[in-house]
C-alpha atoms as a PDB file:
ATOM      1  CA  MET A   1      22.254   3.128  18.693  1.00  0.00           C
ATOM      2  CA  GLN A   2      22.638   5.286  15.579  1.00  0.00           C
ATOM      3  CA  LEU A   3      23.146   4.042  12.027  1.00  0.00           C
ATOM      4  CA  TYR A   4      24.101   6.247   9.091  1.00  0.00           C
ATOM      5  CA  LEU A   5      22.029   5.600   5.975  1.00  0.00           C
ATOM      6  CA  PRO A   6      24.235   6.366   2.958  1.00  0.00           C
ATOM      7  CA  ILE A   7      21.428   6.850   0.436  1.00  0.00           C
ATOM      8  CA  ALA A   8      19.117   8.829   2.723  1.00  0.00           C
ATOM      9  CA  GLU A   9      22.180  10.752   4.043  1.00  0.00           C
ATOM     10  CA  VAL A  10      20.794  10.846   7.592  1.00  0.00           C
ATOM     11  CA  SER A  11      21.540   9.024  10.837  1.00  0.00           C
ATOM     12  CA  VAL A  12      18.687   7.091  12.427  1.00  0.00           C
ATOM     13  CA  ASP A  13      18.095   5.160  15.615  1.00  0.00           C
ATOM     14  CA  ILE A  14      18.212   1.449  14.748  1.00  0.00           C
ATOM     15  CA  LEU A  15      15.628   0.577  17.402  1.00  0.00           C
ATOM     16  CA  LEU A  16      13.274   3.268  16.083  1.00  0.00           C
ATOM     17  CA  ILE A  17      13.376   1.891  12.521  1.00  0.00           C
ATOM     18  CA  LEU A  18      13.004  -1.693  13.786  1.00  0.00           C
ATOM     19  CA  GLY A  19      10.069  -0.484  15.859  1.00  0.00           C
ATOM     20  CA  LEU A  20       8.403   1.177  12.859  1.00  0.00           C
ATOM     21  CA  GLY A  21       8.841  -2.003  10.826  1.00  0.00           C
ATOM     22  CA  GLY A  22       7.494  -4.023  13.748  1.00  0.00           C
ATOM     23  CA  LEU A  23       4.505  -1.694  14.161  1.00  0.00           C
ATOM     24  CA  VAL A  24       3.536  -2.023  10.519  1.00  0.00           C
ATOM     25  CA  GLY A  25       4.129  -5.770  10.777  1.00  0.00           C
ATOM     26  CA  VAL A  26       1.691  -5.930  13.701  1.00  0.00           C
ATOM     27  CA  LEU A  27      -0.859  -3.977  11.666  1.00  0.00           C
ATOM     28  CA  SER A  28      -0.307  -6.312   8.713  1.00  0.00           C
ATOM     29  CA  GLY A  29      -0.963  -9.326  10.901  1.00  0.00           C
ATOM     30  CA  MET A  30      -3.987  -7.758  12.574  1.00  0.00           C
ATOM     31  CA  PHE A  31      -5.714  -6.126   9.610  1.00  0.00           C
ATOM     32  CA  GLY A  32      -4.424  -7.988   6.540  1.00  0.00           C
ATOM     33  CA  VAL A  33      -2.923  -4.888   4.911  1.00  0.00           C
ATOM     34  CA  GLY A  34       0.521  -4.619   3.340  1.00  0.00           C
ATOM     35  CA  GLY A  35       1.242  -1.507   5.390  1.00  0.00           C
ATOM     36  CA  GLY A  36       2.851   0.545   2.623  1.00  0.00           C
ATOM     37  CA  PHE A  37       0.324   3.358   3.093  1.00  0.00           C
ATOM     38  CA  LEU A  38       1.477   3.667   6.736  1.00  0.00           C
ATOM     39  CA  ILE A  39       5.201   2.820   6.693  1.00  0.00           C
ATOM     40  CA  THR A  40       6.009   5.517   4.118  1.00  0.00           C
ATOM     41  CA  PRO A  41       4.464   8.482   6.025  1.00  0.00           C
ATOM     42  CA  LEU A  42       5.915   7.100   9.285  1.00  0.00           C
ATOM     43  CA  LEU A  43       9.352   7.216   7.646  1.00  0.00           C
ATOM     44  CA  PHE A  44       8.653  10.849   6.747  1.00  0.00           C
ATOM     45  CA  LEU A  45       8.022  11.560  10.427  1.00  0.00           C
ATOM     46  CA  ALA A  46      11.255   9.717  11.354  1.00  0.00           C
ATOM     47  CA  GLY A  47      13.258  12.147   9.222  1.00  0.00           C
ATOM     48  CA  ILE A  48      13.755  10.027   6.085  1.00  0.00           C
ATOM     49  CA  PRO A  49      13.572  12.115   2.867  1.00  0.00           C
ATOM     50  CA  PRO A  50      10.282  11.386   1.048  1.00  0.00           C
ATOM     51  CA  ALA A  51      12.015  10.274  -2.182  1.00  0.00           C
ATOM     52  CA  VAL A  52      14.034   7.649  -0.257  1.00  0.00           C
ATOM     53  CA  ALA A  53      11.053   6.606   1.888  1.00  0.00           C
ATOM     54  CA  VAL A  54       8.877   5.977  -1.188  1.00  0.00           C
ATOM     55  CA  ALA A  55      11.533   3.936  -3.009  1.00  0.00           C
ATOM     56  CA  THR A  56      12.637   1.909   0.036  1.00  0.00           C
ATOM     57  CA  SER A  57       9.281   1.047   1.587  1.00  0.00           C
ATOM     58  CA  THR A  58       8.338  -1.069  -1.432  1.00  0.00           C
ATOM     59  CA  ASN A  59      11.024  -3.576  -0.399  1.00  0.00           C
ATOM     60  CA  GLN A  60       9.119  -4.417   2.762  1.00  0.00           C
ATOM     61  CA  ILE A  61       5.880  -4.731   0.808  1.00  0.00           C
ATOM     62  CA  VAL A  62       7.465  -7.290  -1.532  1.00  0.00           C
ATOM     63  CA  ALA A  63       8.779  -9.383   1.368  1.00  0.00           C
ATOM     64  CA  SER A  64       5.551  -9.419   3.398  1.00  0.00           C
ATOM     65  CA  SER A  65       3.324  -9.947   0.341  1.00  0.00           C
ATOM     66  CA  PHE A  66       5.405 -12.896  -0.908  1.00  0.00           C
ATOM     67  CA  SER A  67       5.156 -14.615   2.467  1.00  0.00           C
ATOM     68  CA  ALA A  68       1.378 -14.163   2.529  1.00  0.00           C
ATOM     69  CA  LEU A  69       0.966 -15.261  -1.107  1.00  0.00           C
ATOM     70  CA  LEU A  70       2.512 -18.668  -0.397  1.00  0.00           C
ATOM     71  CA  GLY A  71      -0.328 -19.495   1.973  1.00  0.00           C
ATOM     72  CA  HIS A  72      -2.975 -18.463  -0.557  1.00  0.00           C
ATOM     73  CA  LEU A  73      -1.344 -20.566  -3.262  1.00  0.00           C
ATOM     74  CA  ARG A  74      -1.554 -23.604  -0.992  1.00  0.00           C
ATOM     75  CA  ARG A  75      -5.276 -22.938  -0.500  1.00  0.00           C
ATOM     76  CA  ARG A  76      -5.768 -22.322  -4.256  1.00  0.00           C
ATOM     77  CA  THR A  77      -7.365 -18.908  -3.717  1.00  0.00           C
ATOM     78  CA  VAL A  78      -5.265 -17.083  -6.321  1.00  0.00           C
ATOM     79  CA  ASP A  79      -6.726 -16.296  -9.761  1.00  0.00           C
ATOM     80  CA  ILE A  80      -3.568 -16.317 -11.909  1.00  0.00           C
ATOM     81  CA  ALA A  81      -5.434 -15.171 -15.036  1.00  0.00           C
ATOM     82  CA  MET A  82      -6.988 -12.170 -13.287  1.00  0.00           C
ATOM     83  CA  GLY A  83      -3.691 -11.438 -11.533  1.00  0.00           C
ATOM     84  CA  SER A  84      -1.869 -11.448 -14.879  1.00  0.00           C
ATOM     85  CA  VAL A  85      -4.259  -8.861 -16.362  1.00  0.00           C
ATOM     86  CA  LEU A  86      -3.907  -6.704 -13.246  1.00  0.00           C
ATOM     87  CA  LEU A  87      -0.139  -7.149 -13.459  1.00  0.00           C
ATOM     88  CA  ALA A  88      -0.012  -5.999 -17.098  1.00  0.00           C
ATOM     89  CA  GLY A  89      -1.821  -2.801 -16.156  1.00  0.00           C
ATOM     90  CA  GLY A  90       0.321  -2.411 -13.045  1.00  0.00           C
ATOM     91  CA  LEU A  91       3.616  -2.586 -14.950  1.00  0.00           C
ATOM     92  CA  ILE A  92       2.419   0.069 -17.407  1.00  0.00           C
ATOM     93  CA  GLY A  93       1.223   2.226 -14.509  1.00  0.00           C
ATOM     94  CA  SER A  94       4.537   1.844 -12.682  1.00  0.00           C
ATOM     95  CA  GLY A  95       6.438   3.051 -15.730  1.00  0.00           C
ATOM     96  CA  LEU A  96       4.147   6.069 -16.075  1.00  0.00           C
ATOM     97  CA  GLY A  97       4.392   6.799 -12.349  1.00  0.00           C
ATOM     98  CA  ILE A  98       8.195   6.693 -12.402  1.00  0.00           C
ATOM     99  CA  MET A  99       8.206   9.167 -15.307  1.00  0.00           C
ATOM    100  CA  VAL A 100       6.008  11.574 -13.326  1.00  0.00           C
ATOM    101  CA  PHE A 101       8.139  10.998 -10.195  1.00  0.00           C
ATOM    102  CA  ASN A 102      11.394  11.778 -12.057  1.00  0.00           C
ATOM    103  CA  TRP A 103       9.898  14.830 -13.772  1.00  0.00           C
ATOM    104  CA  LEU A 104       8.797  16.303 -10.439  1.00  0.00           C
ATOM    105  CA  LYS A 105      12.050  15.301  -8.728  1.00  0.00           C
ATOM    106  CA  ALA A 106      14.053  17.204 -11.338  1.00  0.00           C
ATOM    107  CA  ARG A 107      11.980  20.294 -10.527  1.00  0.00           C
ATOM    108  CA  GLY A 108      12.208  19.885  -6.762  1.00  0.00           C
ATOM    109  CA  GLN A 109       8.489  19.246  -6.265  1.00  0.00           C
ATOM    110  CA  VAL A 110       8.428  15.513  -5.538  1.00  0.00           C
ATOM    111  CA  ASP A 111       8.435  15.831  -1.723  1.00  0.00           C
ATOM    112  CA  LEU A 112       5.403  18.136  -1.787  1.00  0.00           C
ATOM    113  CA  LEU A 113       3.517  15.873  -4.221  1.00  0.00           C
ATOM    114  CA  VAL A 114       4.122  12.746  -2.140  1.00  0.00           C
ATOM    115  CA  GLU A 115       3.046  14.362   1.133  1.00  0.00           C
ATOM    116  CA  LEU A 116      -0.046  15.968  -0.406  1.00  0.00           C
ATOM    117  CA  SER A 117      -0.977  12.618  -1.999  1.00  0.00           C
ATOM    118  CA  TYR A 118      -0.735  10.905   1.378  1.00  0.00           C
ATOM    119  CA  VAL A 119      -2.851  13.513   3.140  1.00  0.00           C
ATOM    120  CA  LEU A 120      -5.526  13.130   0.444  1.00  0.00           C
ATOM    121  CA  PHE A 121      -5.526   9.323   0.274  1.00  0.00           C
ATOM    122  CA  LEU A 122      -5.153   8.635   3.997  1.00  0.00           C
ATOM    123  CA  GLY A 123      -7.872  11.149   4.836  1.00  0.00           C
ATOM    124  CA  THR A 124     -10.276   9.658   2.297  1.00  0.00           C
ATOM    125  CA  VAL A 125      -9.557   5.993   3.068  1.00  0.00           C
ATOM    126  CA  GLY A 126      -9.522   6.548   6.843  1.00  0.00           C
ATOM    127  CA  ALA A 127     -12.842   8.416   6.845  1.00  0.00           C
ATOM    128  CA  MET A 128     -14.555   5.839   4.613  1.00  0.00           C
ATOM    129  CA  MET A 129     -13.201   2.961   6.685  1.00  0.00           C
ATOM    130  CA  PHE A 130     -14.333   4.559   9.948  1.00  0.00           C
ATOM    131  CA  ILE A 131     -17.872   5.246   8.664  1.00  0.00           C
ATOM    132  CA  GLU A 132     -18.209   1.715   7.224  1.00  0.00           C
ATOM    133  CA  SER A 133     -16.976   0.125  10.463  1.00  0.00           C
ATOM    134  CA  VAL A 134     -19.343   2.144  12.659  1.00  0.00           C
ATOM    135  CA  ASN A 135     -22.268   1.206  10.393  1.00  0.00           C
ATOM    136  CA  ALA A 136     -21.222  -2.471  10.566  1.00  0.00           C
ATOM    137  CA  LEU A 137     -21.224  -2.327  14.377  1.00  0.00           C
ATOM    138  CA  LEU A 138     -24.693  -0.735  14.376  1.00  0.00           C
ATOM    139  CA  ARG A 139     -26.021  -3.395  11.984  1.00  0.00           C
ATOM    140  CA  ALA A 140     -24.594  -6.143  14.188  1.00  0.00           C
ATOM    141  CA  ARG A 141     -26.605  -4.813  17.157  1.00  0.00           C
ATOM    142  CA  ARG A 142     -29.897  -4.927  15.267  1.00  0.00           C
ATOM    143  CA  PRO A 143     -29.836  -8.026  13.048  1.00  0.00           C
ATOM    144  CA  GLY A 144     -32.305  -7.968  10.200  1.00  0.00           C
ATOM    145  CA  ALA A 145     -32.484  -8.786   6.531  1.00  0.00           C
ATOM    146  CA  ARG A 146     -29.084  -9.110   4.931  1.00  0.00           C
ATOM    147  CA  PRO A 147     -28.374  -6.805   1.946  1.00  0.00           C
ATOM    148  CA  LYS A 148     -28.652  -8.492  -1.416  1.00  0.00           C
ATOM    149  CA  ARG A 149     -25.524  -8.775  -3.486  1.00  0.00           C
ATOM    150  CA  ARG A 150     -25.727  -7.696  -7.097  1.00  0.00           C
ATOM    151  CA  LYS A 151     -25.242 -10.484  -9.592  1.00  0.00           C
ATOM    152  CA  HIS A 152     -24.260  -8.361 -12.601  1.00  0.00           C
ATOM    153  CA  TYR A 153     -21.756  -5.535 -12.819  1.00  0.00           C
ATOM    154  CA  TRP A 154     -21.037  -2.837 -15.385  1.00  0.00           C
ATOM    155  CA  ALA A 155     -17.896  -4.762 -16.372  1.00  0.00           C
ATOM    156  CA  HIS A 156     -20.114  -7.405 -18.008  1.00  0.00           C
ATOM    157  CA  ALA A 157     -21.162  -4.969 -20.780  1.00  0.00           C
ATOM    158  CA  LEU A 158     -17.670  -4.067 -22.071  1.00  0.00           C
ATOM    159  CA  PRO A 159     -15.832  -5.777 -24.985  1.00  0.00           C
ATOM    160  CA  LEU A 160     -12.666  -7.957 -24.883  1.00  0.00           C
ATOM    161  CA  LYS A 161     -14.223 -10.472 -22.518  1.00  0.00           C
ATOM    162  CA  MET A 162     -12.157 -13.141 -20.774  1.00  0.00           C
ATOM    163  CA  LYS A 163     -13.066 -16.136 -18.631  1.00  0.00           C
ATOM    164  CA  PHE A 164     -11.571 -16.099 -15.129  1.00  0.00           C
ATOM    165  CA  ARG A 165     -12.271 -19.607 -13.849  1.00  0.00           C
ATOM    166  CA  VAL A 166     -11.074 -19.288 -10.247  1.00  0.00           C
ATOM    167  CA  SER A 167     -13.141 -16.112  -9.740  1.00  0.00           C
ATOM    168  CA  GLY A 168     -16.097 -17.567 -11.651  1.00  0.00           C
ATOM    169  CA  LEU A 169     -16.293 -14.461 -13.873  1.00  0.00           C
ATOM    170  CA  TYR A 170     -16.698 -13.821 -17.591  1.00  0.00           C
ATOM    171  CA  ILE A 171     -16.020 -10.088 -17.964  1.00  0.00           C
ATOM    172  CA  SER A 172     -14.077  -7.618 -20.073  1.00  0.00           C
ATOM    173  CA  ALA A 173     -10.324  -7.398 -19.478  1.00  0.00           C
ATOM    174  CA  ILE A 174     -10.504  -3.578 -19.638  1.00  0.00           C
ATOM    175  CA  PRO A 175     -11.662  -2.891 -16.030  1.00  0.00           C
ATOM    176  CA  PRO A 176      -8.996  -5.080 -14.324  1.00  0.00           C
ATOM    177  CA  LEU A 177      -6.391  -3.584 -16.683  1.00  0.00           C
ATOM    178  CA  MET A 178      -7.371  -0.056 -15.595  1.00  0.00           C
ATOM    179  CA  VAL A 179      -7.444  -1.048 -11.912  1.00  0.00           C
ATOM    180  CA  GLY A 180      -3.940  -2.471 -12.249  1.00  0.00           C
ATOM    181  CA  LEU A 181      -2.721   0.648 -14.077  1.00  0.00           C
ATOM    182  CA  SER A 182      -4.044   2.926 -11.315  1.00  0.00           C
ATOM    183  CA  VAL A 183      -2.368   0.831  -8.622  1.00  0.00           C
ATOM    184  CA  GLY A 184       0.912   0.866 -10.579  1.00  0.00           C
ATOM    185  CA  VAL A 185       0.929   4.664 -10.646  1.00  0.00           C
ATOM    186  CA  LEU A 186       0.239   4.753  -6.896  1.00  0.00           C
ATOM    187  CA  ALA A 187       3.069   2.298  -6.230  1.00  0.00           C
ATOM    188  CA  ALA A 188       5.574   4.431  -8.128  1.00  0.00           C
ATOM    189  CA  ILE A 189       4.591   7.844  -6.754  1.00  0.00           C
ATOM    190  CA  MET A 190       3.547   6.971  -3.191  1.00  0.00           C
ATOM    191  CA  GLY A 191       5.548   3.836  -2.389  1.00  0.00           C
ATOM    192  CA  VAL A 192       2.506   1.692  -1.622  1.00  0.00           C
ATOM    193  CA  GLY A 193       1.428  -1.717  -2.813  1.00  0.00           C
ATOM    194  CA  GLY A 194      -2.029  -0.326  -3.540  1.00  0.00           C
ATOM    195  CA  GLY A 195      -3.947  -3.092  -1.815  1.00  0.00           C
ATOM    196  CA  PHE A 196      -6.119  -0.593   0.077  1.00  0.00           C
ATOM    197  CA  VAL A 197      -7.351   0.658  -3.325  1.00  0.00           C
ATOM    198  CA  MET A 198      -7.242  -2.566  -5.344  1.00  0.00           C
ATOM    199  CA  VAL A 199      -9.068  -4.893  -2.916  1.00  0.00           C
ATOM    200  CA  PRO A 200     -12.267  -2.768  -2.723  1.00  0.00           C
ATOM    201  CA  ALA A 201     -12.134  -2.235  -6.509  1.00  0.00           C
ATOM    202  CA  MET A 202     -11.866  -5.975  -7.153  1.00  0.00           C
ATOM    203  CA  ILE A 203     -14.840  -6.693  -4.890  1.00  0.00           C
ATOM    204  CA  TYR A 204     -17.206  -3.836  -5.765  1.00  0.00           C
ATOM    205  CA  LEU A 205     -16.215  -2.995  -9.366  1.00  0.00           C
ATOM    206  CA  LEU A 206     -15.224  -6.395 -10.758  1.00  0.00           C
ATOM    207  CA  GLY A 207     -17.498  -8.546  -8.579  1.00  0.00           C
ATOM    208  CA  MET A 208     -14.794 -11.007  -7.508  1.00  0.00           C
ATOM    209  CA  PRO A 209     -15.481 -13.321  -4.545  1.00  0.00           C
ATOM    210  CA  THR A 210     -13.770 -12.101  -1.382  1.00  0.00           C
ATOM    211  CA  LYS A 211     -11.897 -15.357  -0.736  1.00  0.00           C
ATOM    212  CA  VAL A 212     -10.055 -14.992  -4.075  1.00  0.00           C
ATOM    213  CA  VAL A 213      -9.444 -11.222  -3.892  1.00  0.00           C
ATOM    214  CA  ILE A 214      -6.693 -11.163  -1.248  1.00  0.00           C
ATOM    215  CA  GLY A 215      -4.436 -13.777  -2.838  1.00  0.00           C
ATOM    216  CA  THR A 216      -4.900 -12.344  -6.346  1.00  0.00           C
ATOM    217  CA  SER A 217      -4.150  -8.844  -5.068  1.00  0.00           C
ATOM    218  CA  LEU A 218      -0.942 -10.080  -3.420  1.00  0.00           C
ATOM    219  CA  PHE A 219       0.105 -11.783  -6.675  1.00  0.00           C
ATOM    220  CA  GLN A 220      -0.072  -8.462  -8.518  1.00  0.00           C
ATOM    221  CA  ILE A 221       1.424  -6.390  -5.699  1.00  0.00           C
ATOM    222  CA  ILE A 222       4.600  -8.514  -5.498  1.00  0.00           C
ATOM    223  CA  PHE A 223       5.568  -7.999  -9.133  1.00  0.00           C
ATOM    224  CA  VAL A 224       4.508  -4.356  -9.390  1.00  0.00           C
ATOM    225  CA  THR A 225       6.315  -3.274  -6.212  1.00  0.00           C
ATOM    226  CA  ALA A 226       9.424  -5.278  -7.146  1.00  0.00           C
ATOM    227  CA  PHE A 227       9.404  -3.645 -10.594  1.00  0.00           C
ATOM    228  CA  THR A 228       8.901  -0.216  -8.986  1.00  0.00           C
ATOM    229  CA  THR A 229      11.800  -0.807  -6.581  1.00  0.00           C
ATOM    230  CA  MET A 230      14.066  -1.750  -9.495  1.00  0.00           C
ATOM    231  CA  LEU A 231      13.081   1.364 -11.479  1.00  0.00           C
ATOM    232  CA  HIS A 232      13.688   3.632  -8.473  1.00  0.00           C
ATOM    233  CA  ALA A 233      17.073   1.992  -7.850  1.00  0.00           C
ATOM    234  CA  VAL A 234      18.176   2.340 -11.476  1.00  0.00           C
ATOM    235  CA  THR A 235      16.799   5.780 -12.335  1.00  0.00           C
ATOM    236  CA  ASN A 236      16.892   7.624  -8.993  1.00  0.00           C
ATOM    237  CA  GLN A 237      19.368   5.675  -6.809  1.00  0.00           C
ATOM    238  CA  THR A 238      16.968   6.275  -3.888  1.00  0.00           C
ATOM    239  CA  VAL A 239      16.638   2.707  -2.516  1.00  0.00           C
ATOM    240  CA  ASP A 240      18.472   2.469   0.814  1.00  0.00           C
ATOM    241  CA  ILE A 241      19.294  -1.210   1.401  1.00  0.00           C
ATOM    242  CA  ALA A 242      20.283  -0.715   5.065  1.00  0.00           C
ATOM    243  CA  LEU A 243      16.936   0.944   5.795  1.00  0.00           C
ATOM    244  CA  ALA A 244      15.047  -1.752   3.870  1.00  0.00           C
ATOM    245  CA  LEU A 245      16.690  -4.591   5.814  1.00  0.00           C
ATOM    246  CA  LEU A 246      15.823  -2.993   9.158  1.00  0.00           C
ATOM    247  CA  LEU A 247      12.188  -2.520   8.115  1.00  0.00           C
ATOM    248  CA  ILE A 248      11.889  -6.104   6.849  1.00  0.00           C
ATOM    249  CA  ALA A 249      13.413  -7.539  10.046  1.00  0.00           C
ATOM    250  CA  GLY A 250      11.011  -5.583  12.243  1.00  0.00           C
ATOM    251  CA  GLY A 251       8.050  -6.393  10.016  1.00  0.00           C
ATOM    252  CA  VAL A 252       8.614 -10.164  10.085  1.00  0.00           C
ATOM    253  CA  ILE A 253       8.621 -10.191  13.890  1.00  0.00           C
ATOM    254  CA  GLY A 254       5.679  -7.802  14.194  1.00  0.00           C
ATOM    255  CA  ALA A 255       3.491  -9.760  11.778  1.00  0.00           C
ATOM    256  CA  GLN A 256       3.600 -12.848  14.004  1.00  0.00           C
ATOM    257  CA  LEU A 257       2.524 -10.800  17.023  1.00  0.00           C
ATOM    258  CA  GLY A 258      -0.193  -9.009  15.058  1.00  0.00           C
ATOM    259  CA  THR A 259      -1.719 -12.293  13.897  1.00  0.00           C
ATOM    260  CA  ARG A 260      -2.139 -13.429  17.509  1.00  0.00           C
ATOM    261  CA  ILE A 261      -3.638 -10.100  18.619  1.00  0.00           C
ATOM    262  CA  GLY A 262      -6.039  -9.955  15.674  1.00  0.00           C
ATOM    263  CA  ALA A 263      -7.401 -13.419  16.394  1.00  0.00           C
ATOM    264  CA  ARG A 264      -8.769 -12.144  19.725  1.00  0.00           C
ATOM    265  CA  MET A 265     -10.631  -9.090  18.385  1.00  0.00           C
ATOM    266  CA  LYS A 266     -13.789  -8.593  16.320  1.00  0.00           C
ATOM    267  CA  ALA A 267     -13.400  -7.551  12.682  1.00  0.00           C
ATOM    268  CA  GLU A 268     -15.377  -4.310  13.166  1.00  0.00           C
ATOM    269  CA  GLN A 269     -13.241  -3.299  16.155  1.00  0.00           C
ATOM    270  CA  LEU A 270     -10.068  -3.959  14.168  1.00  0.00           C
ATOM    271  CA  ARG A 271     -11.240  -1.807  11.262  1.00  0.00           C
ATOM    272  CA  ILE A 272     -12.186   1.077  13.557  1.00  0.00           C
ATOM    273  CA  LEU A 273      -8.759   0.966  15.222  1.00  0.00           C
ATOM    274  CA  LEU A 274      -7.046   0.931  11.829  1.00  0.00           C
ATOM    275  CA  ALA A 275      -9.202   3.830  10.601  1.00  0.00           C
ATOM    276  CA  LEU A 276      -8.312   5.910  13.671  1.00  0.00           C
ATOM    277  CA  LEU A 277      -4.616   5.177  13.170  1.00  0.00           C
ATOM    278  CA  VAL A 278      -4.792   6.137   9.492  1.00  0.00           C
ATOM    279  CA  LEU A 279      -6.571   9.400  10.352  1.00  0.00           C
ATOM    280  CA  ALA A 280      -3.991  10.167  13.066  1.00  0.00           C
ATOM    281  CA  VAL A 281      -1.086   9.757  10.614  1.00  0.00           C
ATOM    282  CA  CYS A 282      -2.972  11.860   8.056  1.00  0.00           C
ATOM    283  CA  GLY A 283      -3.504  14.615  10.635  1.00  0.00           C
ATOM    284  CA  GLN A 284       0.165  14.656  11.605  1.00  0.00           C
ATOM    285  CA  LEU A 285       1.250  14.958   7.957  1.00  0.00           C
ATOM    286  CA  ALA A 286      -1.325  17.695   7.306  1.00  0.00           C
ATOM    287  CA  LEU A 287      -0.033  19.695  10.271  1.00  0.00           C
ATOM    288  CA  GLY A 288       3.506  19.378   8.928  1.00  0.00           C
ATOM    289  CA  LEU A 289       2.374  20.956   5.663  1.00  0.00           C
ATOM    290  CA  VAL A 290       0.678  23.989   7.226  1.00  0.00           C
ATOM    291  CA  LEU A 291       2.811  24.720  10.310  1.00  0.00           C
ATOM    292  CA  ARG A 292       5.959  26.859  10.081  1.00  0.00           C
ATOM    293  CA  PRO A 293       9.017  24.538   9.903  1.00  0.00           C
ATOM    294  CA  SER A 294      11.797  24.819  12.487  1.00  0.00           C
ATOM    295  CA  GLU A 295      14.353  25.223   9.669  1.00  0.00           C
ATOM    296  CA  LEU A 296      13.274  27.429   6.787  1.00  0.00           C
ATOM    297  CA  TYR A 297      16.254  26.551   4.624  1.00  0.00           C
ATOM    298  CA  VAL A 298      18.001  23.225   4.059  1.00  0.00           C
ATOM    299  CA  VAL A 299      21.423  22.877   2.446  1.00  0.00           C
ATOM    300  CA  GLU A 300      21.489  19.851   0.167  1.00  0.00           C
ATOM    301  CA  THR A 301      24.384  18.344  -1.770  1.00  0.00           C
ATOM    302  CA  VAL A 302      23.510  17.914  -5.448  1.00  0.00           C
ATOM    303  CA  ARG A 303      24.940  14.713  -6.907  1.00  0.00           C
ATOM    304  CA  PRO A 304      26.472  14.928 -10.381  1.00  0.00           C
ATOM    305  CA  ALA A 305      24.349  13.364 -13.111  1.00  0.00           C
END
C-alpha cells in the first residue's frame, strides 16, 4: 500500500517504512543504541531525499530515547548535572550544525555531505566495533588478569572544575561541553542522536561509570534531537510528519521484540552482529556514491523562498 509523503515529495510503501522502523527498533532493543545512525541511511536507500531523512529521523530518536530515559530515572542512574553541561554544548552544536546544513543546502551540496559523512562514520565505527568485539571474544576464551582501569584522566587537569555527584567525578566542565558540542553538530548534519560517539567519549575521556553513562546520554540526546527537529522544521521545512509517525510506530513494536532477542544472546555476539550490519550499510552507501546512477539528471521543483 502506497502513501504519498508531502514533504519528501515521493510515494513509499507503508509496510516498508514500518518495517524499517521496526528493524531499527529491534536493533535498539538488542544493542541499546538509538538507531539514528542506521535509520537515516536506510531511508536514503528507500528513496527518501537525504535532507528529509536527516530532519525526520530525529523524531524517532526523541520518542525511543524518552521511553528509555524513564526507566533510568526510576533507577537513579542519570547524572542531571553532567547531562546539563552536555546539553549546553549540544544546543550550541546543533545551532552551528544547522547553519552549516543550510549553507550547503543553498548550494546544492547537502546530499553529498550527508552521504559522505555516513560512509566515513559508519565505516570507522563499524570497523572499531568489530575489532573490539573479536578481541573480547578471544579474551573470554583465555581468562587471565583483568586490565586495570585508570583512576585519573586528562580532564582532571583542566580549569573550571565542577562536582558531578552521581558520577562521582570532580573534573573540568570543558571536556563534557566539547563532547556535547560535537554531538550537537552531528545531530544537525547527520540526523543522529550521537550516542554511538558520546557514550564511548563519556566512558574513556571523562571517566564516567558505565551504569550512569547510558541514562545521562539519553537525557542529553532527547533535548538536542528535539531542538534539532524544531530547527529543521522552522528553517528548512524538511520534517515529514507522516514519515515520522510510521517510523515511530514500527520502532515501538520492534523494540519490544529486540529486547527479548537480546536477552538470549551474549554481549560479544550482539556487538559483532551490529558491527557487520553497520559495515554492510556503509558498503551499500559507498557503492551508491561511486557507481553510475540509473538517472543522470533529476528534475526538481524549487519552492519559493
